[in-house]
Amino acid sequence: MVIRNVANLVPPYEIDGQFAETQAALEFAVCYLKIAHIIVMGHSRCGGIRSLLTRLVDDFDPERALDKWTKVAEPAAREVLADMPDADLDEQACACSRRALAASLKNLRSYPWITTALEQQNAKIHGWYFNLSNGDLECFRPESASFETLHLGPRASE
């Protein structure tokens, strides 16, 4: 099962939340399909993340649907803008995509059925980041809050 949305975000669990579609899809996948692996996949050059960064600097409107949705990643974006004020938008977007992915993994753990599946060792959570510029697939390591390149075998050029 694949859930696709703008910026590949996972909102935090809310009982009467505004992001019911994502919550319903996650519940269906974990409780009914009994999926064993949840992978949140971020990527470089993410248009949704770029739009969030741009709007925070230029014209953020909390009433627009896109702004409401990407608010999930707003803390990550504000951190990146504070930590990297002189970086270009591409660098900021890559850093924000990684931080938003880490936040989405944390948000997954706020869903009661996911917490139960993790505790019973019926599911695992993975954070992967695809770097379009070099083709690397990176894995988030929560214990070090860092990304490392996954080595899945020889490259085609080798």
N, C-alpha and C. Protein backbone atom coordinates (compact mmCIF):
# COMPACT_ATOMS: atom_id res chain seq x y z
N MET A 1 0.85 -1.18 0.00
CA MET A 1 0.00 0.00 0.00
C MET A 1 0.89 1.23 0.00
N VAL A 2 0.53 2.22 -0.77
CA VAL A 2 1.29 3.46 -0.86
C VAL A 2 0.35 4.63 -0.54
N ILE A 3 0.81 5.50 0.33
CA ILE A 3 0.10 6.75 0.62
C ILE A 3 0.98 7.86 0.07
N ARG A 4 0.44 8.62 -0.85
CA ARG A 4 1.20 9.74 -1.42
C ARG A 4 0.51 11.04 -1.04
N ASN A 5 1.30 12.00 -0.65
CA ASN A 5 0.76 13.32 -0.39
C ASN A 5 1.84 14.37 -0.62
N VAL A 6 1.47 15.61 -0.61
CA VAL A 6 2.42 16.70 -0.81
C VAL A 6 3.46 16.67 0.29
N ALA A 7 4.72 16.65 -0.10
CA ALA A 7 5.88 16.67 0.79
C ALA A 7 6.06 15.38 1.60
N ASN A 8 5.31 14.35 1.30
CA ASN A 8 5.46 13.04 1.97
C ASN A 8 5.41 13.18 3.49
N LEU A 9 4.43 13.90 3.99
CA LEU A 9 4.34 14.17 5.42
C LEU A 9 3.40 13.21 6.13
N VAL A 10 3.72 12.92 7.38
CA VAL A 10 2.83 12.18 8.26
C VAL A 10 2.46 13.13 9.40
N PRO A 11 1.19 13.51 9.48
CA PRO A 11 0.78 14.40 10.57
C PRO A 11 0.72 13.64 11.89
N PRO A 12 0.78 14.36 13.01
CA PRO A 12 0.62 13.67 14.29
C PRO A 12 -0.81 13.14 14.44
N TYR A 13 -0.96 12.12 15.26
CA TYR A 13 -2.28 11.54 15.52
C TYR A 13 -3.15 12.56 16.24
N GLU A 14 -4.40 12.66 15.81
CA GLU A 14 -5.40 13.50 16.47
C GLU A 14 -6.71 12.75 16.46
N ILE A 15 -7.41 12.73 17.57
CA ILE A 15 -8.68 12.01 17.65
C ILE A 15 -9.68 12.58 16.66
N ASP A 16 -9.83 13.87 16.64
CA ASP A 16 -10.75 14.52 15.70
C ASP A 16 -9.95 15.41 14.76
N GLY A 17 -8.88 14.88 14.22
CA GLY A 17 -7.95 15.66 13.43
C GLY A 17 -8.47 16.05 12.07
N GLN A 18 -7.78 17.02 11.50
CA GLN A 18 -8.15 17.52 10.17
C GLN A 18 -7.52 16.70 9.06
N PHE A 19 -6.63 15.78 9.40
CA PHE A 19 -5.94 14.98 8.38
C PHE A 19 -6.42 13.53 8.42
N ALA A 20 -7.72 13.35 8.39
CA ALA A 20 -8.32 12.03 8.56
C ALA A 20 -7.95 11.05 7.45
N GLU A 21 -7.69 11.55 6.25
CA GLU A 21 -7.39 10.64 5.14
C GLU A 21 -6.10 9.87 5.38
N THR A 22 -5.06 10.58 5.79
CA THR A 22 -3.78 9.93 6.08
C THR A 22 -3.93 8.99 7.26
N GLN A 23 -4.61 9.44 8.28
CA GLN A 23 -4.83 8.62 9.47
C GLN A 23 -5.60 7.35 9.12
N ALA A 24 -6.63 7.48 8.31
CA ALA A 24 -7.43 6.32 7.91
C ALA A 24 -6.60 5.33 7.09
N ALA A 25 -5.78 5.84 6.19
CA ALA A 25 -4.94 4.96 5.38
C ALA A 25 -3.93 4.21 6.24
N LEU A 26 -3.35 4.90 7.21
CA LEU A 26 -2.40 4.23 8.11
C LEU A 26 -3.10 3.18 8.96
N GLU A 27 -4.28 3.51 9.46
CA GLU A 27 -5.03 2.54 10.26
C GLU A 27 -5.37 1.31 9.43
N PHE A 28 -5.83 1.52 8.21
CA PHE A 28 -6.17 0.40 7.32
C PHE A 28 -4.95 -0.47 7.06
N ALA A 29 -3.82 0.16 6.76
CA ALA A 29 -2.60 -0.59 6.45
C ALA A 29 -2.11 -1.43 7.62
N VAL A 30 -2.11 -0.83 8.81
CA VAL A 30 -1.56 -1.52 9.98
C VAL A 30 -2.56 -2.51 10.59
N CYS A 31 -3.80 -2.08 10.74
CA CYS A 31 -4.79 -2.91 11.45
C CYS A 31 -5.44 -3.97 10.57
N TYR A 32 -5.63 -3.68 9.30
CA TYR A 32 -6.38 -4.61 8.45
C TYR A 32 -5.49 -5.35 7.45
N LEU A 33 -4.53 -4.64 6.87
CA LEU A 33 -3.62 -5.31 5.94
C LEU A 33 -2.44 -5.96 6.66
N LYS A 34 -2.24 -5.57 7.92
CA LYS A 34 -1.16 -6.13 8.75
C LYS A 34 0.21 -5.95 8.10
N ILE A 35 0.46 -4.77 7.55
CA ILE A 35 1.76 -4.52 6.93
C ILE A 35 2.85 -4.62 7.99
N ALA A 36 4.00 -5.07 7.60
CA ALA A 36 5.10 -5.28 8.54
C ALA A 36 6.11 -4.14 8.53
N HIS A 37 6.14 -3.37 7.46
CA HIS A 37 7.12 -2.29 7.34
C HIS A 37 6.44 -1.02 6.86
N ILE A 38 6.66 0.06 7.59
CA ILE A 38 6.17 1.38 7.22
C ILE A 38 7.40 2.17 6.79
N ILE A 39 7.40 2.62 5.56
CA ILE A 39 8.53 3.39 5.05
C ILE A 39 8.03 4.79 4.70
N VAL A 40 8.63 5.78 5.33
CA VAL A 40 8.37 7.16 4.95
C VAL A 40 9.52 7.55 4.03
N MET A 41 9.17 7.97 2.82
CA MET A 41 10.18 8.26 1.81
C MET A 41 10.19 9.74 1.47
N GLY A 42 11.29 10.38 1.79
CA GLY A 42 11.49 11.77 1.39
C GLY A 42 12.46 11.80 0.22
N HIS A 43 12.61 12.97 -0.38
CA HIS A 43 13.53 13.08 -1.50
C HIS A 43 14.02 14.51 -1.66
N SER A 44 15.17 14.64 -2.29
CA SER A 44 15.70 15.96 -2.59
C SER A 44 14.82 16.62 -3.65
N ARG A 45 14.98 17.92 -3.76
CA ARG A 45 14.22 18.71 -4.75
C ARG A 45 12.71 18.60 -4.56
N CYS A 46 12.27 18.42 -3.35
CA CYS A 46 10.84 18.25 -3.05
C CYS A 46 10.10 19.58 -3.22
N GLY A 47 9.18 19.61 -4.15
CA GLY A 47 8.42 20.83 -4.42
C GLY A 47 7.56 21.27 -3.24
N GLY A 48 6.99 20.31 -2.52
CA GLY A 48 6.16 20.66 -1.36
C GLY A 48 6.97 21.33 -0.26
N ILE A 49 8.16 20.83 -0.01
CA ILE A 49 9.04 21.42 1.00
C ILE A 49 9.54 22.78 0.53
N ARG A 50 9.91 22.86 -0.73
CA ARG A 50 10.36 24.15 -1.29
C ARG A 50 9.26 25.20 -1.16
N SER A 51 8.02 24.80 -1.44
CA SER A 51 6.92 25.77 -1.34
C SER A 51 6.72 26.23 0.10
N LEU A 52 6.90 25.33 1.05
CA LEU A 52 6.78 25.71 2.46
C LEU A 52 7.85 26.73 2.82
N LEU A 53 9.09 26.45 2.48
CA LEU A 53 10.18 27.38 2.79
C LEU A 53 9.94 28.75 2.15
N THR A 54 9.55 28.72 0.90
CA THR A 54 9.30 29.98 0.17
C THR A 54 8.17 30.76 0.82
N ARG A 55 7.09 30.09 1.16
CA ARG A 55 5.94 30.78 1.75
C ARG A 55 6.24 31.30 3.15
N LEU A 56 7.08 30.61 3.91
CA LEU A 56 7.43 31.12 5.24
C LEU A 56 8.20 32.44 5.13
N VAL A 57 8.99 32.56 4.09
CA VAL A 57 9.77 33.78 3.88
C VAL A 57 8.91 34.86 3.23
N ASP A 58 8.03 34.46 2.30
CA ASP A 58 7.33 35.44 1.48
C ASP A 58 5.87 35.70 1.87
N ASP A 59 5.02 34.69 1.73
CA ASP A 59 3.58 34.96 1.83
C ASP A 59 2.79 33.84 2.48
N PHE A 60 3.13 33.46 3.66
CA PHE A 60 2.44 32.38 4.36
C PHE A 60 1.00 32.79 4.66
N ASP A 61 0.04 31.95 4.31
CA ASP A 61 -1.38 32.21 4.55
C ASP A 61 -1.97 30.99 5.24
N PRO A 62 -2.19 31.04 6.55
CA PRO A 62 -2.65 29.86 7.29
C PRO A 62 -4.03 29.35 6.88
N GLU A 63 -4.73 30.05 6.00
CA GLU A 63 -6.05 29.61 5.56
C GLU A 63 -6.02 28.81 4.26
N ARG A 64 -4.91 28.84 3.53
CA ARG A 64 -4.83 28.08 2.29
C ARG A 64 -4.59 26.61 2.59
N ALA A 65 -5.18 25.75 1.81
CA ALA A 65 -5.09 24.31 2.05
C ALA A 65 -3.64 23.82 2.06
N LEU A 66 -2.83 24.28 1.12
CA LEU A 66 -1.44 23.84 1.07
C LEU A 66 -0.68 24.28 2.31
N ASP A 67 -0.94 25.50 2.77
CA ASP A 67 -0.28 25.99 3.97
C ASP A 67 -0.72 25.22 5.21
N LYS A 68 -2.01 24.88 5.27
CA LYS A 68 -2.50 24.08 6.41
C LYS A 68 -1.82 22.72 6.44
N TRP A 69 -1.71 22.09 5.27
CA TRP A 69 -1.10 20.76 5.21
C TRP A 69 0.38 20.80 5.57
N THR A 70 1.14 21.71 4.94
CA THR A 70 2.58 21.73 5.17
C THR A 70 2.96 22.31 6.53
N LYS A 71 1.98 22.81 7.26
CA LYS A 71 2.23 23.26 8.64
C LYS A 71 2.81 22.11 9.48
N VAL A 72 2.52 20.87 9.07
CA VAL A 72 3.06 19.69 9.74
C VAL A 72 4.59 19.77 9.78
N ALA A 73 5.19 20.32 8.73
CA ALA A 73 6.65 20.41 8.64
C ALA A 73 7.18 21.80 8.99
N GLU A 74 6.31 22.68 9.43
CA GLU A 74 6.75 24.05 9.71
C GLU A 74 7.87 24.13 10.75
N PRO A 75 7.83 23.38 11.85
CA PRO A 75 8.95 23.46 12.80
C PRO A 75 10.29 23.11 12.15
N ALA A 76 10.31 22.09 11.31
CA ALA A 76 11.54 21.72 10.62
C ALA A 76 11.99 22.85 9.70
N ALA A 77 11.05 23.45 8.99
CA ALA A 77 11.40 24.54 8.07
C ALA A 77 11.94 25.75 8.82
N ARG A 78 11.32 26.09 9.93
CA ARG A 78 11.80 27.25 10.71
C ARG A 78 13.19 26.99 11.27
N GLU A 79 13.47 25.75 11.70
CA GLU A 79 14.81 25.40 12.18
C GLU A 79 15.84 25.57 11.06
N VAL A 80 15.52 25.07 9.88
CA VAL A 80 16.44 25.17 8.74
C VAL A 80 16.69 26.63 8.39
N LEU A 81 15.66 27.44 8.34
CA LEU A 81 15.83 28.85 8.01
C LEU A 81 16.70 29.56 9.05
N ALA A 82 16.56 29.17 10.32
CA ALA A 82 17.39 29.76 11.38
C ALA A 82 18.83 29.24 11.33
N ASP A 83 18.99 27.94 11.07
CA ASP A 83 20.32 27.32 11.06
C ASP A 83 21.11 27.61 9.79
N MET A 84 20.42 27.83 8.69
CA MET A 84 21.07 27.97 7.38
C MET A 84 20.57 29.22 6.64
N PRO A 85 20.62 30.39 7.27
CA PRO A 85 20.02 31.57 6.65
C PRO A 85 20.68 32.00 5.34
N ASP A 86 21.95 31.66 5.16
CA ASP A 86 22.66 32.10 3.96
C ASP A 86 22.75 31.01 2.89
N ALA A 87 22.22 29.84 3.18
CA ALA A 87 22.25 28.75 2.19
C ALA A 87 21.24 29.04 1.08
N ASP A 88 21.49 28.46 -0.09
CA ASP A 88 20.52 28.65 -1.17
C ASP A 88 19.30 27.76 -0.91
N LEU A 89 18.24 28.03 -1.65
CA LEU A 89 16.97 27.34 -1.44
C LEU A 89 17.10 25.83 -1.61
N ASP A 90 17.92 25.38 -2.56
CA ASP A 90 18.10 23.93 -2.76
C ASP A 90 18.69 23.27 -1.52
N GLU A 91 19.71 23.89 -0.94
CA GLU A 91 20.33 23.33 0.27
C GLU A 91 19.34 23.34 1.43
N GLN A 92 18.63 24.43 1.57
CA GLN A 92 17.63 24.52 2.65
C GLN A 92 16.55 23.46 2.47
N ALA A 93 16.10 23.27 1.23
CA ALA A 93 15.04 22.30 0.96
C ALA A 93 15.50 20.87 1.27
N CYS A 94 16.73 20.54 0.91
CA CYS A 94 17.25 19.19 1.22
C CYS A 94 17.33 18.98 2.73
N ALA A 95 17.85 19.97 3.45
CA ALA A 95 17.94 19.86 4.90
C ALA A 95 16.55 19.77 5.52
N CYS A 96 15.61 20.57 5.02
CA CYS A 96 14.25 20.55 5.55
C CYS A 96 13.55 19.23 5.24
N SER A 97 13.77 18.68 4.06
CA SER A 97 13.17 17.39 3.71
C SER A 97 13.61 16.30 4.69
N ARG A 98 14.90 16.31 5.02
CA ARG A 98 15.41 15.31 5.97
C ARG A 98 14.81 15.53 7.36
N ARG A 99 14.74 16.78 7.81
CA ARG A 99 14.19 17.06 9.14
C ARG A 99 12.69 16.76 9.18
N ALA A 100 11.99 17.05 8.11
CA ALA A 100 10.55 16.75 8.05
C ALA A 100 10.32 15.24 8.07
N LEU A 101 11.20 14.50 7.40
CA LEU A 101 11.10 13.04 7.42
C LEU A 101 11.27 12.51 8.84
N ALA A 102 12.26 13.01 9.56
CA ALA A 102 12.47 12.60 10.95
C ALA A 102 11.25 12.94 11.81
N ALA A 103 10.65 14.11 11.58
CA ALA A 103 9.45 14.50 12.32
C ALA A 103 8.28 13.58 11.99
N SER A 104 8.17 13.19 10.72
CA SER A 104 7.09 12.27 10.32
C SER A 104 7.24 10.92 11.01
N LEU A 105 8.46 10.45 11.15
CA LEU A 105 8.69 9.18 11.85
C LEU A 105 8.26 9.30 13.31
N LYS A 106 8.58 10.41 13.93
CA LYS A 106 8.14 10.66 15.31
C LYS A 106 6.62 10.70 15.36
N ASN A 107 5.99 11.36 14.39
CA ASN A 107 4.53 11.46 14.36
C ASN A 107 3.88 10.08 14.23
N LEU A 108 4.50 9.19 13.45
CA LEU A 108 3.95 7.83 13.32
C LEU A 108 3.81 7.15 14.67
N ARG A 109 4.75 7.40 15.54
CA ARG A 109 4.73 6.77 16.87
C ARG A 109 3.62 7.32 17.76
N SER A 110 2.93 8.38 17.33
CA SER A 110 1.82 8.93 18.11
C SER A 110 0.50 8.23 17.80
N TYR A 111 0.48 7.36 16.78
CA TYR A 111 -0.74 6.63 16.42
C TYR A 111 -0.84 5.40 17.31
N PRO A 112 -1.94 5.22 18.06
CA PRO A 112 -2.02 4.12 19.01
C PRO A 112 -1.84 2.74 18.38
N TRP A 113 -2.41 2.52 17.21
CA TRP A 113 -2.29 1.19 16.60
C TRP A 113 -0.88 0.94 16.07
N ILE A 114 -0.17 1.99 15.72
CA ILE A 114 1.22 1.81 15.30
C ILE A 114 2.09 1.53 16.52
N THR A 115 1.85 2.25 17.61
CA THR A 115 2.59 1.99 18.85
C THR A 115 2.39 0.54 19.29
N THR A 116 1.18 0.05 19.22
CA THR A 116 0.89 -1.34 19.60
C THR A 116 1.63 -2.30 18.67
N ALA A 117 1.57 -2.06 17.38
CA ALA A 117 2.25 -2.95 16.42
C ALA A 117 3.75 -2.95 16.65
N LEU A 118 4.31 -1.79 16.98
CA LEU A 118 5.75 -1.71 17.26
C LEU A 118 6.10 -2.47 18.54
N GLU A 119 5.30 -2.27 19.58
CA GLU A 119 5.54 -2.95 20.85
C GLU A 119 5.44 -4.46 20.72
N GLN A 120 4.51 -4.93 19.91
CA GLN A 120 4.33 -6.37 19.69
C GLN A 120 5.27 -6.91 18.61
N GLN A 121 6.13 -6.05 18.10
CA GLN A 121 7.10 -6.39 17.05
C GLN A 121 6.42 -6.95 15.79
N ASN A 122 5.23 -6.41 15.50
CA ASN A 122 4.51 -6.77 14.28
C ASN A 122 4.77 -5.79 13.14
N ALA A 123 5.45 -4.69 13.45
CA ALA A 123 5.75 -3.68 12.43
C ALA A 123 7.05 -2.98 12.76
N LYS A 124 7.66 -2.44 11.73
CA LYS A 124 8.88 -1.63 11.87
C LYS A 124 8.69 -0.36 11.06
N ILE A 125 9.31 0.72 11.53
CA ILE A 125 9.24 2.01 10.85
C ILE A 125 10.62 2.31 10.26
N HIS A 126 10.62 2.80 9.02
CA HIS A 126 11.86 3.15 8.33
C HIS A 126 11.70 4.54 7.72
N GLY A 127 12.75 5.31 7.75
CA GLY A 127 12.79 6.61 7.08
C GLY A 127 13.86 6.57 6.01
N TRP A 128 13.44 6.72 4.77
CA TRP A 128 14.37 6.70 3.64
C TRP A 128 14.31 8.03 2.91
N TYR A 129 15.46 8.43 2.43
CA TYR A 129 15.59 9.70 1.71
C TYR A 129 16.32 9.41 0.39
N PHE A 130 15.69 9.78 -0.71
CA PHE A 130 16.30 9.56 -2.02
C PHE A 130 16.93 10.85 -2.51
N ASN A 131 18.23 10.81 -2.70
CA ASN A 131 18.97 11.97 -3.18
C ASN A 131 19.02 11.91 -4.71
N LEU A 132 18.23 12.75 -5.33
CA LEU A 132 18.12 12.74 -6.79
C LEU A 132 19.41 13.16 -7.49
N SER A 133 20.24 13.96 -6.83
CA SER A 133 21.44 14.45 -7.49
C SER A 133 22.51 13.38 -7.66
N ASN A 134 22.56 12.40 -6.74
CA ASN A 134 23.59 11.36 -6.87
C ASN A 134 23.02 9.95 -6.90
N GLY A 135 21.71 9.81 -6.77
CA GLY A 135 21.08 8.50 -6.83
C GLY A 135 21.19 7.69 -5.55
N ASP A 136 21.69 8.29 -4.47
CA ASP A 136 21.83 7.56 -3.21
C ASP A 136 20.50 7.43 -2.48
N LEU A 137 20.31 6.29 -1.88
CA LEU A 137 19.18 6.06 -0.99
C LEU A 137 19.75 6.08 0.42
N GLU A 138 19.24 6.98 1.24
CA GLU A 138 19.74 7.15 2.59
C GLU A 138 18.70 6.67 3.59
N CYS A 139 19.18 6.14 4.69
CA CYS A 139 18.31 5.63 5.75
C CYS A 139 18.51 6.48 7.00
N PHE A 140 17.41 6.89 7.62
CA PHE A 140 17.48 7.66 8.86
C PHE A 140 17.79 6.73 10.01
N ARG A 141 18.77 7.10 10.81
CA ARG A 141 19.16 6.35 12.01
C ARG A 141 18.73 7.15 13.23
N PRO A 142 17.62 6.77 13.88
CA PRO A 142 17.10 7.56 15.00
C PRO A 142 18.07 7.66 16.18
N GLU A 143 18.87 6.63 16.39
CA GLU A 143 19.79 6.65 17.54
C GLU A 143 20.84 7.75 17.42
N SER A 144 21.17 8.15 16.20
CA SER A 144 22.14 9.23 15.99
C SER A 144 21.51 10.45 15.32
N ALA A 145 20.23 10.37 15.02
CA ALA A 145 19.51 11.43 14.31
C ALA A 145 20.26 11.84 13.04
N SER A 146 20.74 10.83 12.31
CA SER A 146 21.50 11.10 11.09
C SER A 146 21.05 10.17 9.97
N PHE A 147 21.48 10.49 8.78
CA PHE A 147 21.18 9.67 7.61
C PHE A 147 22.46 9.01 7.14
N GLU A 148 22.35 7.77 6.72
CA GLU A 148 23.50 7.09 6.13
C GLU A 148 23.06 6.42 4.84
N THR A 149 23.98 6.36 3.91
CA THR A 149 23.69 5.77 2.61
C THR A 149 23.50 4.27 2.74
N LEU A 150 22.42 3.76 2.15
CA LEU A 150 22.19 2.32 2.10
C LEU A 150 22.97 1.76 0.91
N HIS A 151 23.68 0.69 1.13
CA HIS A 151 24.42 0.04 0.06
C HIS A 151 23.68 -1.24 -0.28
N LEU A 152 22.96 -1.20 -1.38
CA LEU A 152 22.09 -2.31 -1.76
C LEU A 152 22.73 -3.25 -2.76
N GLY A 153 23.92 -3.00 -3.14
CA GLY A 153 24.61 -3.85 -4.11
C GLY A 153 25.43 -3.00 -5.05
N PRO A 154 26.09 -3.62 -6.00
CA PRO A 154 26.95 -2.86 -6.91
C PRO A 154 26.13 -1.92 -7.80
N ARG A 155 26.70 -0.78 -8.07
CA ARG A 155 26.07 0.18 -8.97
C ARG A 155 26.23 -0.32 -10.40
N ALA A 156 25.40 0.15 -11.27
CA ALA A 156 25.44 -0.26 -12.67
C ALA A 156 26.78 0.04 -13.32
N SER A 157 27.45 1.10 -12.83
CA SER A 157 28.72 1.50 -13.43
C SER A 157 29.90 0.65 -12.93
N GLU A 158 29.68 -0.18 -11.94
CA GLU A 158 30.78 -0.98 -11.37
C GLU A 158 30.90 -2.32 -12.02
